[in-house]
Amino acid sequence: MKLTYDPQCNIAYIQLRRKSGKVKTIQVSEELNVDLAADGTIYGIELLNANEQLAKGKNFILENLTTGRREKLNLAG
């Protein structure tokens, strides 16, 4: 999984798998698009107006629900 951010367009993208062909984009809301692979699996999630959605300047918490391990990740920018 990879999270990228384009500050000029204020768009973040969460890529869940490598692109292996064409994707179909479904607009879920004015601020959220989901890209689907040909087999219907989710390829990625696009966040428009990303700095508002990702609470710029705050941390992400990465939590493994099986082990209970939690890690704070700082956003760049």
N, C-alpha and C. Protein backbone atom coordinates (compact mmCIF):
# COMPACT_ATOMS: atom_id res chain seq x y z
N MET A 1 0.86 -1.17 0.00
CA MET A 1 0.00 0.00 0.00
C MET A 1 0.90 1.23 0.00
N LYS A 2 0.46 2.26 -0.72
CA LYS A 2 1.24 3.49 -0.81
C LYS A 2 0.29 4.68 -0.74
N LEU A 3 0.66 5.68 0.05
CA LEU A 3 -0.09 6.92 0.15
C LEU A 3 0.75 8.03 -0.46
N THR A 4 0.19 8.71 -1.48
CA THR A 4 0.88 9.84 -2.09
C THR A 4 0.02 11.09 -1.93
N TYR A 5 0.68 12.26 -1.97
CA TYR A 5 -0.04 13.52 -1.82
C TYR A 5 0.53 14.53 -2.80
N ASP A 6 -0.34 15.20 -3.56
CA ASP A 6 0.05 16.26 -4.49
C ASP A 6 -0.44 17.58 -3.90
N PRO A 7 0.47 18.37 -3.30
CA PRO A 7 0.04 19.61 -2.66
C PRO A 7 -0.48 20.66 -3.64
N GLN A 8 -0.03 20.63 -4.89
CA GLN A 8 -0.52 21.61 -5.87
C GLN A 8 -1.99 21.39 -6.19
N CYS A 9 -2.41 20.14 -6.25
CA CYS A 9 -3.82 19.82 -6.55
C CYS A 9 -4.61 19.47 -5.30
N ASN A 10 -3.91 19.34 -4.16
CA ASN A 10 -4.52 18.98 -2.88
C ASN A 10 -5.28 17.66 -2.99
N ILE A 11 -4.59 16.66 -3.58
CA ILE A 11 -5.17 15.33 -3.78
C ILE A 11 -4.24 14.29 -3.16
N ALA A 12 -4.83 13.39 -2.39
CA ALA A 12 -4.09 12.24 -1.85
C ALA A 12 -4.60 10.98 -2.54
N TYR A 13 -3.72 10.01 -2.68
CA TYR A 13 -4.10 8.75 -3.32
C TYR A 13 -3.58 7.59 -2.49
N ILE A 14 -4.47 6.69 -2.14
CA ILE A 14 -4.11 5.48 -1.42
C ILE A 14 -4.15 4.34 -2.43
N GLN A 15 -2.96 3.87 -2.81
CA GLN A 15 -2.86 2.78 -3.78
C GLN A 15 -2.79 1.47 -3.01
N LEU A 16 -3.73 0.59 -3.24
CA LEU A 16 -3.81 -0.67 -2.50
C LEU A 16 -3.11 -1.83 -3.20
N ARG A 17 -2.96 -1.74 -4.52
CA ARG A 17 -2.29 -2.81 -5.27
C ARG A 17 -1.67 -2.22 -6.53
N ARG A 18 -0.78 -2.98 -7.15
CA ARG A 18 -0.15 -2.53 -8.39
C ARG A 18 -1.16 -2.56 -9.52
N LYS A 19 -1.05 -1.58 -10.40
CA LYS A 19 -1.95 -1.50 -11.54
C LYS A 19 -1.60 -2.61 -12.52
N SER A 20 -2.61 -3.40 -12.88
CA SER A 20 -2.37 -4.51 -13.81
C SER A 20 -3.23 -4.40 -15.06
N GLY A 21 -3.87 -3.28 -15.23
CA GLY A 21 -4.72 -3.08 -16.40
C GLY A 21 -5.55 -1.83 -16.21
N LYS A 22 -6.62 -1.74 -16.97
CA LYS A 22 -7.50 -0.58 -16.88
C LYS A 22 -8.23 -0.57 -15.54
N VAL A 23 -8.50 0.64 -15.06
CA VAL A 23 -9.31 0.79 -13.86
C VAL A 23 -10.54 1.63 -14.19
N LYS A 24 -11.59 1.40 -13.45
CA LYS A 24 -12.83 2.16 -13.59
C LYS A 24 -12.96 3.02 -12.34
N THR A 25 -13.16 4.33 -12.53
CA THR A 25 -13.29 5.23 -11.40
C THR A 25 -14.76 5.47 -11.08
N ILE A 26 -15.10 5.28 -9.82
CA ILE A 26 -16.45 5.53 -9.34
C ILE A 26 -16.40 6.71 -8.39
N GLN A 27 -17.20 7.74 -8.67
CA GLN A 27 -17.26 8.90 -7.80
C GLN A 27 -18.24 8.59 -6.67
N VAL A 28 -17.72 8.52 -5.45
CA VAL A 28 -18.53 8.21 -4.28
C VAL A 28 -19.15 9.49 -3.73
N SER A 29 -18.36 10.57 -3.73
CA SER A 29 -18.84 11.87 -3.29
C SER A 29 -18.01 12.93 -3.99
N GLU A 30 -18.25 14.21 -3.67
CA GLU A 30 -17.47 15.28 -4.29
C GLU A 30 -16.01 15.24 -3.86
N GLU A 31 -15.70 14.53 -2.78
CA GLU A 31 -14.34 14.48 -2.27
C GLU A 31 -13.72 13.08 -2.27
N LEU A 32 -14.39 12.10 -2.87
CA LEU A 32 -13.89 10.73 -2.81
C LEU A 32 -14.18 9.97 -4.10
N ASN A 33 -13.13 9.41 -4.69
CA ASN A 33 -13.24 8.54 -5.86
C ASN A 33 -12.61 7.20 -5.51
N VAL A 34 -13.17 6.12 -6.05
CA VAL A 34 -12.62 4.79 -5.85
C VAL A 34 -12.32 4.20 -7.23
N ASP A 35 -11.10 3.70 -7.40
CA ASP A 35 -10.70 3.05 -8.64
C ASP A 35 -10.82 1.54 -8.48
N LEU A 36 -11.56 0.93 -9.40
CA LEU A 36 -11.77 -0.52 -9.38
C LEU A 36 -11.03 -1.18 -10.53
N ALA A 37 -10.40 -2.31 -10.24
CA ALA A 37 -9.75 -3.11 -11.27
C ALA A 37 -10.83 -3.85 -12.05
N ALA A 38 -10.44 -4.44 -13.15
CA ALA A 38 -11.38 -5.16 -14.01
C ALA A 38 -12.11 -6.29 -13.28
N ASP A 39 -11.45 -6.89 -12.29
CA ASP A 39 -12.08 -7.99 -11.55
C ASP A 39 -12.95 -7.50 -10.39
N GLY A 40 -13.10 -6.17 -10.26
CA GLY A 40 -13.96 -5.61 -9.22
C GLY A 40 -13.27 -5.30 -7.91
N THR A 41 -11.99 -5.65 -7.78
CA THR A 41 -11.26 -5.33 -6.55
C THR A 41 -10.86 -3.85 -6.56
N ILE A 42 -10.68 -3.31 -5.39
CA ILE A 42 -10.31 -1.90 -5.27
C ILE A 42 -8.83 -1.74 -5.54
N TYR A 43 -8.51 -0.91 -6.53
CA TYR A 43 -7.13 -0.58 -6.87
C TYR A 43 -6.63 0.55 -5.99
N GLY A 44 -7.45 1.60 -5.83
CA GLY A 44 -7.01 2.74 -5.06
C GLY A 44 -8.16 3.67 -4.70
N ILE A 45 -7.86 4.59 -3.78
CA ILE A 45 -8.83 5.56 -3.28
C ILE A 45 -8.23 6.95 -3.41
N GLU A 46 -8.97 7.84 -4.06
CA GLU A 46 -8.51 9.21 -4.29
C GLU A 46 -9.28 10.16 -3.38
N LEU A 47 -8.54 10.94 -2.61
CA LEU A 47 -9.14 11.92 -1.70
C LEU A 47 -8.92 13.32 -2.26
N LEU A 48 -10.01 13.97 -2.66
CA LEU A 48 -9.94 15.35 -3.12
C LEU A 48 -10.09 16.24 -1.90
N ASN A 49 -9.52 17.45 -1.95
CA ASN A 49 -9.50 18.32 -0.77
C ASN A 49 -8.83 17.57 0.38
N ALA A 50 -7.70 16.96 0.07
CA ALA A 50 -7.05 16.01 0.97
C ALA A 50 -6.59 16.61 2.28
N ASN A 51 -6.08 17.84 2.27
CA ASN A 51 -5.56 18.37 3.52
C ASN A 51 -6.65 18.51 4.57
N GLU A 52 -7.89 18.74 4.16
CA GLU A 52 -9.00 18.78 5.11
C GLU A 52 -9.35 17.37 5.60
N GLN A 53 -9.36 16.42 4.69
CA GLN A 53 -9.73 15.05 5.05
C GLN A 53 -8.67 14.35 5.88
N LEU A 54 -7.41 14.69 5.65
CA LEU A 54 -6.32 14.03 6.36
C LEU A 54 -5.85 14.84 7.58
N ALA A 55 -6.54 15.93 7.89
CA ALA A 55 -6.22 16.75 9.06
C ALA A 55 -4.74 17.12 9.07
N LYS A 56 -4.36 17.95 8.10
CA LYS A 56 -2.96 18.36 7.91
C LYS A 56 -2.31 18.74 9.23
N GLY A 57 -1.11 18.25 9.43
CA GLY A 57 -0.35 18.56 10.64
C GLY A 57 -0.59 17.59 11.78
N LYS A 58 -1.49 16.64 11.58
CA LYS A 58 -1.76 15.64 12.62
C LYS A 58 -1.13 14.32 12.23
N ASN A 59 -1.24 13.35 13.10
CA ASN A 59 -0.64 12.04 12.86
C ASN A 59 -1.68 11.03 12.39
N PHE A 60 -1.20 10.07 11.62
CA PHE A 60 -1.97 8.87 11.36
C PHE A 60 -1.61 7.87 12.46
N ILE A 61 -2.55 7.06 12.84
CA ILE A 61 -2.27 5.95 13.74
C ILE A 61 -2.42 4.67 12.93
N LEU A 62 -1.34 3.92 12.83
CA LEU A 62 -1.36 2.63 12.16
C LEU A 62 -1.50 1.58 13.26
N GLU A 63 -2.59 0.84 13.24
CA GLU A 63 -2.86 -0.11 14.31
C GLU A 63 -3.09 -1.51 13.75
N ASN A 64 -2.35 -2.47 14.28
CA ASN A 64 -2.53 -3.87 13.94
C ASN A 64 -3.53 -4.45 14.94
N LEU A 65 -4.73 -4.75 14.50
CA LEU A 65 -5.78 -5.22 15.41
C LEU A 65 -5.49 -6.60 15.98
N THR A 66 -4.67 -7.38 15.31
CA THR A 66 -4.33 -8.71 15.81
C THR A 66 -3.33 -8.63 16.96
N THR A 67 -2.29 -7.83 16.76
CA THR A 67 -1.23 -7.75 17.78
C THR A 67 -1.45 -6.62 18.78
N GLY A 68 -2.29 -5.66 18.41
CA GLY A 68 -2.49 -4.50 19.29
C GLY A 68 -1.40 -3.45 19.15
N ARG A 69 -0.44 -3.68 18.27
CA ARG A 69 0.66 -2.73 18.08
C ARG A 69 0.15 -1.48 17.38
N ARG A 70 0.52 -0.30 17.90
CA ARG A 70 0.11 0.99 17.32
C ARG A 70 1.37 1.80 17.02
N GLU A 71 1.34 2.51 15.90
CA GLU A 71 2.47 3.34 15.50
C GLU A 71 1.94 4.65 14.94
N LYS A 72 2.52 5.77 15.40
CA LYS A 72 2.13 7.08 14.87
C LYS A 72 2.96 7.38 13.64
N LEU A 73 2.32 7.88 12.60
CA LEU A 73 3.00 8.27 11.37
C LEU A 73 2.73 9.75 11.13
N ASN A 74 3.77 10.54 10.97
CA ASN A 74 3.62 11.97 10.70
C ASN A 74 3.42 12.19 9.22
N LEU A 75 2.51 13.13 8.89
CA LEU A 75 2.32 13.53 7.49
C LEU A 75 3.35 14.59 7.14
N ALA A 76 3.94 14.48 5.98
CA ALA A 76 4.88 15.51 5.52
C ALA A 76 4.09 16.72 5.09
N GLY A 77 4.69 17.89 5.25
CA GLY A 77 4.03 19.09 4.73
C GLY A 77 3.62 19.97 5.80
